[in-house]
Amino acid sequence: MNLEKLQTLDKLEINQAREVAISMLGKKTKPLVLQQLKLDIQNAPTSVEVSRIMWQVYLSGTGLGTIGSAWKKHYNTA
């Protein structure tokens, strides 16, 4: 994941932040999880929320996510 893009998501206009975030999602992501992430990004009310979602994706992908967190449960049930 491109950290430079990730660090600027919260400063972008909401529609641009959504487009950039969706383009950053990895190909290793399970199809159902990918679909849920895209839906959550599209429904995010602000670019700050888009940024938060993508930071969670980044942390989870690098093994720094919290085991048993509500966020992980949300996507594991997708």
N, C-alpha and C. Protein backbone atom coordinates (compact mmCIF):
# COMPACT_ATOMS: atom_id res chain seq x y z
N MET A 1 0.85 -1.17 0.00
CA MET A 1 0.00 0.00 0.00
C MET A 1 0.89 1.23 0.00
N ASN A 2 0.52 2.22 -0.78
CA ASN A 2 1.29 3.44 -0.92
C ASN A 2 1.05 4.35 0.30
N LEU A 3 2.06 4.46 1.16
CA LEU A 3 1.91 5.26 2.38
C LEU A 3 1.75 6.75 2.11
N GLU A 4 2.37 7.24 1.03
CA GLU A 4 2.23 8.66 0.70
C GLU A 4 0.77 8.99 0.38
N LYS A 5 0.12 8.14 -0.39
CA LYS A 5 -1.30 8.35 -0.69
C LYS A 5 -2.13 8.21 0.57
N LEU A 6 -1.81 7.21 1.38
CA LEU A 6 -2.56 6.96 2.61
C LEU A 6 -2.51 8.16 3.54
N GLN A 7 -1.37 8.81 3.62
CA GLN A 7 -1.21 9.96 4.52
C GLN A 7 -1.93 11.21 4.04
N THR A 8 -2.34 11.25 2.78
CA THR A 8 -3.01 12.44 2.26
C THR A 8 -4.52 12.26 2.08
N LEU A 9 -5.03 11.06 2.31
CA LEU A 9 -6.46 10.80 2.08
C LEU A 9 -7.37 11.77 2.83
N ASP A 10 -7.05 12.07 4.07
CA ASP A 10 -7.92 12.93 4.88
C ASP A 10 -7.95 14.38 4.40
N LYS A 11 -7.00 14.76 3.54
CA LYS A 11 -6.94 16.13 3.05
C LYS A 11 -7.63 16.30 1.70
N LEU A 12 -8.04 15.19 1.08
CA LEU A 12 -8.68 15.24 -0.22
C LEU A 12 -10.17 15.52 -0.10
N GLU A 13 -10.77 15.94 -1.18
CA GLU A 13 -12.22 16.08 -1.27
C GLU A 13 -12.80 14.66 -1.19
N ILE A 14 -13.99 14.51 -0.63
CA ILE A 14 -14.54 13.19 -0.31
C ILE A 14 -14.58 12.25 -1.52
N ASN A 15 -15.05 12.72 -2.66
CA ASN A 15 -15.14 11.83 -3.83
C ASN A 15 -13.77 11.39 -4.32
N GLN A 16 -12.82 12.30 -4.28
CA GLN A 16 -11.46 11.96 -4.69
C GLN A 16 -10.84 10.98 -3.68
N ALA A 17 -11.09 11.19 -2.40
CA ALA A 17 -10.57 10.29 -1.36
C ALA A 17 -11.13 8.88 -1.56
N ARG A 18 -12.41 8.79 -1.90
CA ARG A 18 -13.03 7.48 -2.14
C ARG A 18 -12.37 6.78 -3.33
N GLU A 19 -12.17 7.51 -4.42
CA GLU A 19 -11.55 6.93 -5.62
C GLU A 19 -10.14 6.43 -5.33
N VAL A 20 -9.34 7.25 -4.65
CA VAL A 20 -7.97 6.88 -4.34
C VAL A 20 -7.95 5.66 -3.41
N ALA A 21 -8.81 5.66 -2.41
CA ALA A 21 -8.86 4.56 -1.45
C ALA A 21 -9.22 3.25 -2.14
N ILE A 22 -10.21 3.27 -2.99
CA ILE A 22 -10.62 2.05 -3.67
C ILE A 22 -9.51 1.55 -4.59
N SER A 23 -8.80 2.47 -5.21
CA SER A 23 -7.70 2.07 -6.09
C SER A 23 -6.54 1.47 -5.30
N MET A 24 -6.45 1.76 -4.01
CA MET A 24 -5.37 1.27 -3.17
C MET A 24 -5.62 -0.12 -2.62
N LEU A 25 -6.85 -0.60 -2.68
CA LEU A 25 -7.17 -1.90 -2.10
C LEU A 25 -6.42 -2.99 -2.85
N GLY A 26 -5.85 -3.92 -2.07
CA GLY A 26 -4.99 -4.95 -2.65
C GLY A 26 -5.74 -6.07 -3.33
N LYS A 27 -5.03 -6.77 -4.19
CA LYS A 27 -5.60 -7.89 -4.92
C LYS A 27 -5.65 -9.15 -4.08
N LYS A 28 -4.95 -9.16 -2.94
CA LYS A 28 -4.95 -10.32 -2.05
C LYS A 28 -6.20 -10.37 -1.18
N THR A 29 -6.97 -9.31 -1.17
CA THR A 29 -8.15 -9.21 -0.33
C THR A 29 -9.22 -10.17 -0.82
N LYS A 30 -9.85 -10.88 0.12
CA LYS A 30 -10.93 -11.80 -0.24
C LYS A 30 -12.04 -11.02 -0.92
N PRO A 31 -12.68 -11.63 -1.94
CA PRO A 31 -13.72 -10.91 -2.69
C PRO A 31 -14.85 -10.34 -1.83
N LEU A 32 -15.33 -11.09 -0.83
CA LEU A 32 -16.41 -10.57 0.00
C LEU A 32 -15.95 -9.43 0.89
N VAL A 33 -14.73 -9.52 1.39
CA VAL A 33 -14.17 -8.45 2.22
C VAL A 33 -13.94 -7.22 1.34
N LEU A 34 -13.44 -7.42 0.14
CA LEU A 34 -13.22 -6.31 -0.80
C LEU A 34 -14.53 -5.59 -1.10
N GLN A 35 -15.57 -6.36 -1.32
CA GLN A 35 -16.89 -5.78 -1.59
C GLN A 35 -17.37 -4.95 -0.40
N GLN A 36 -17.20 -5.48 0.82
CA GLN A 36 -17.63 -4.76 2.02
C GLN A 36 -16.80 -3.50 2.23
N LEU A 37 -15.49 -3.57 1.98
CA LEU A 37 -14.64 -2.39 2.12
C LEU A 37 -15.06 -1.31 1.14
N LYS A 38 -15.32 -1.70 -0.10
CA LYS A 38 -15.75 -0.72 -1.10
C LYS A 38 -17.07 -0.06 -0.68
N LEU A 39 -17.99 -0.85 -0.16
CA LEU A 39 -19.27 -0.33 0.29
C LEU A 39 -19.07 0.65 1.45
N ASP A 40 -18.23 0.28 2.41
CA ASP A 40 -17.97 1.16 3.56
C ASP A 40 -17.30 2.45 3.12
N ILE A 41 -16.38 2.36 2.17
CA ILE A 41 -15.71 3.57 1.66
C ILE A 41 -16.72 4.46 0.94
N GLN A 42 -17.58 3.87 0.13
CA GLN A 42 -18.59 4.66 -0.59
C GLN A 42 -19.58 5.33 0.37
N ASN A 43 -19.83 4.69 1.51
CA ASN A 43 -20.78 5.24 2.48
C ASN A 43 -20.13 6.16 3.52
N ALA A 44 -18.82 6.28 3.49
CA ALA A 44 -18.13 7.14 4.45
C ALA A 44 -18.55 8.60 4.22
N PRO A 45 -18.92 9.30 5.28
CA PRO A 45 -19.42 10.67 5.12
C PRO A 45 -18.33 11.72 4.89
N THR A 46 -17.09 11.42 5.28
CA THR A 46 -16.01 12.40 5.13
C THR A 46 -14.73 11.71 4.66
N SER A 47 -13.81 12.50 4.18
CA SER A 47 -12.51 11.95 3.77
C SER A 47 -11.72 11.46 4.98
N VAL A 48 -11.97 12.01 6.14
CA VAL A 48 -11.30 11.55 7.36
C VAL A 48 -11.74 10.11 7.68
N GLU A 49 -13.00 9.82 7.48
CA GLU A 49 -13.51 8.47 7.70
C GLU A 49 -12.92 7.50 6.68
N VAL A 50 -12.80 7.92 5.44
CA VAL A 50 -12.16 7.10 4.40
C VAL A 50 -10.72 6.81 4.83
N SER A 51 -10.03 7.82 5.31
CA SER A 51 -8.66 7.65 5.78
C SER A 51 -8.59 6.66 6.93
N ARG A 52 -9.50 6.75 7.87
CA ARG A 52 -9.53 5.83 9.02
C ARG A 52 -9.70 4.39 8.55
N ILE A 53 -10.63 4.17 7.63
CA ILE A 53 -10.87 2.83 7.11
C ILE A 53 -9.59 2.28 6.46
N MET A 54 -8.93 3.11 5.68
CA MET A 54 -7.74 2.65 4.97
C MET A 54 -6.56 2.43 5.93
N TRP A 55 -6.46 3.21 6.99
CA TRP A 55 -5.42 2.95 7.98
C TRP A 55 -5.67 1.62 8.68
N GLN A 56 -6.93 1.30 8.93
CA GLN A 56 -7.27 0.00 9.53
C GLN A 56 -6.87 -1.12 8.58
N VAL A 57 -7.14 -0.94 7.28
CA VAL A 57 -6.75 -1.94 6.28
C VAL A 57 -5.23 -2.10 6.28
N TYR A 58 -4.53 -1.00 6.32
CA TYR A 58 -3.07 -1.04 6.33
C TYR A 58 -2.55 -1.79 7.55
N LEU A 59 -3.04 -1.42 8.72
CA LEU A 59 -2.59 -2.07 9.96
C LEU A 59 -2.91 -3.56 9.95
N SER A 60 -4.08 -3.91 9.51
CA SER A 60 -4.47 -5.31 9.44
C SER A 60 -3.57 -6.08 8.47
N GLY A 61 -3.29 -5.47 7.34
CA GLY A 61 -2.47 -6.11 6.32
C GLY A 61 -1.02 -6.30 6.72
N THR A 62 -0.54 -5.48 7.63
CA THR A 62 0.84 -5.60 8.09
C THR A 62 0.95 -6.42 9.37
N GLY A 63 -0.17 -6.96 9.83
CA GLY A 63 -0.16 -7.79 11.03
C GLY A 63 -0.25 -7.00 12.32
N LEU A 64 -0.53 -5.72 12.23
CA LEU A 64 -0.61 -4.87 13.42
C LEU A 64 -2.03 -4.65 13.91
N GLY A 65 -2.99 -5.33 13.29
CA GLY A 65 -4.38 -5.20 13.73
C GLY A 65 -4.58 -5.88 15.07
N THR A 66 -5.64 -5.54 15.75
CA THR A 66 -5.95 -6.13 17.04
C THR A 66 -6.80 -7.38 16.85
N ILE A 67 -6.33 -8.48 17.39
CA ILE A 67 -7.07 -9.74 17.29
C ILE A 67 -8.38 -9.63 18.07
N GLY A 68 -9.46 -10.03 17.43
CA GLY A 68 -10.76 -10.00 18.08
C GLY A 68 -11.42 -8.64 18.12
N SER A 69 -10.89 -7.67 17.38
CA SER A 69 -11.47 -6.34 17.40
C SER A 69 -12.82 -6.33 16.67
N ALA A 70 -13.64 -5.36 16.97
CA ALA A 70 -14.94 -5.22 16.30
C ALA A 70 -14.74 -5.00 14.81
N TRP A 71 -13.68 -4.29 14.44
CA TRP A 71 -13.40 -4.03 13.03
C TRP A 71 -13.12 -5.33 12.29
N LYS A 72 -12.28 -6.19 12.87
CA LYS A 72 -11.96 -7.48 12.24
C LYS A 72 -13.21 -8.35 12.16
N LYS A 73 -14.02 -8.36 13.21
CA LYS A 73 -15.24 -9.17 13.20
C LYS A 73 -16.19 -8.69 12.11
N HIS A 74 -16.26 -7.39 11.91
CA HIS A 74 -17.13 -6.81 10.89
C HIS A 74 -16.77 -7.36 9.51
N TYR A 75 -15.49 -7.43 9.21
CA TYR A 75 -15.05 -7.89 7.89
C TYR A 75 -14.93 -9.41 7.79
N ASN A 76 -14.73 -10.09 8.92
CA ASN A 76 -14.66 -11.54 8.87
C ASN A 76 -16.03 -12.17 8.67
N THR A 77 -17.08 -11.44 8.99
CA THR A 77 -18.43 -11.97 8.79
C THR A 77 -18.96 -11.65 7.41
N ALA A 78 -18.19 -10.89 6.62
CA ALA A 78 -18.61 -10.52 5.27
C ALA A 78 -18.57 -11.73 4.35
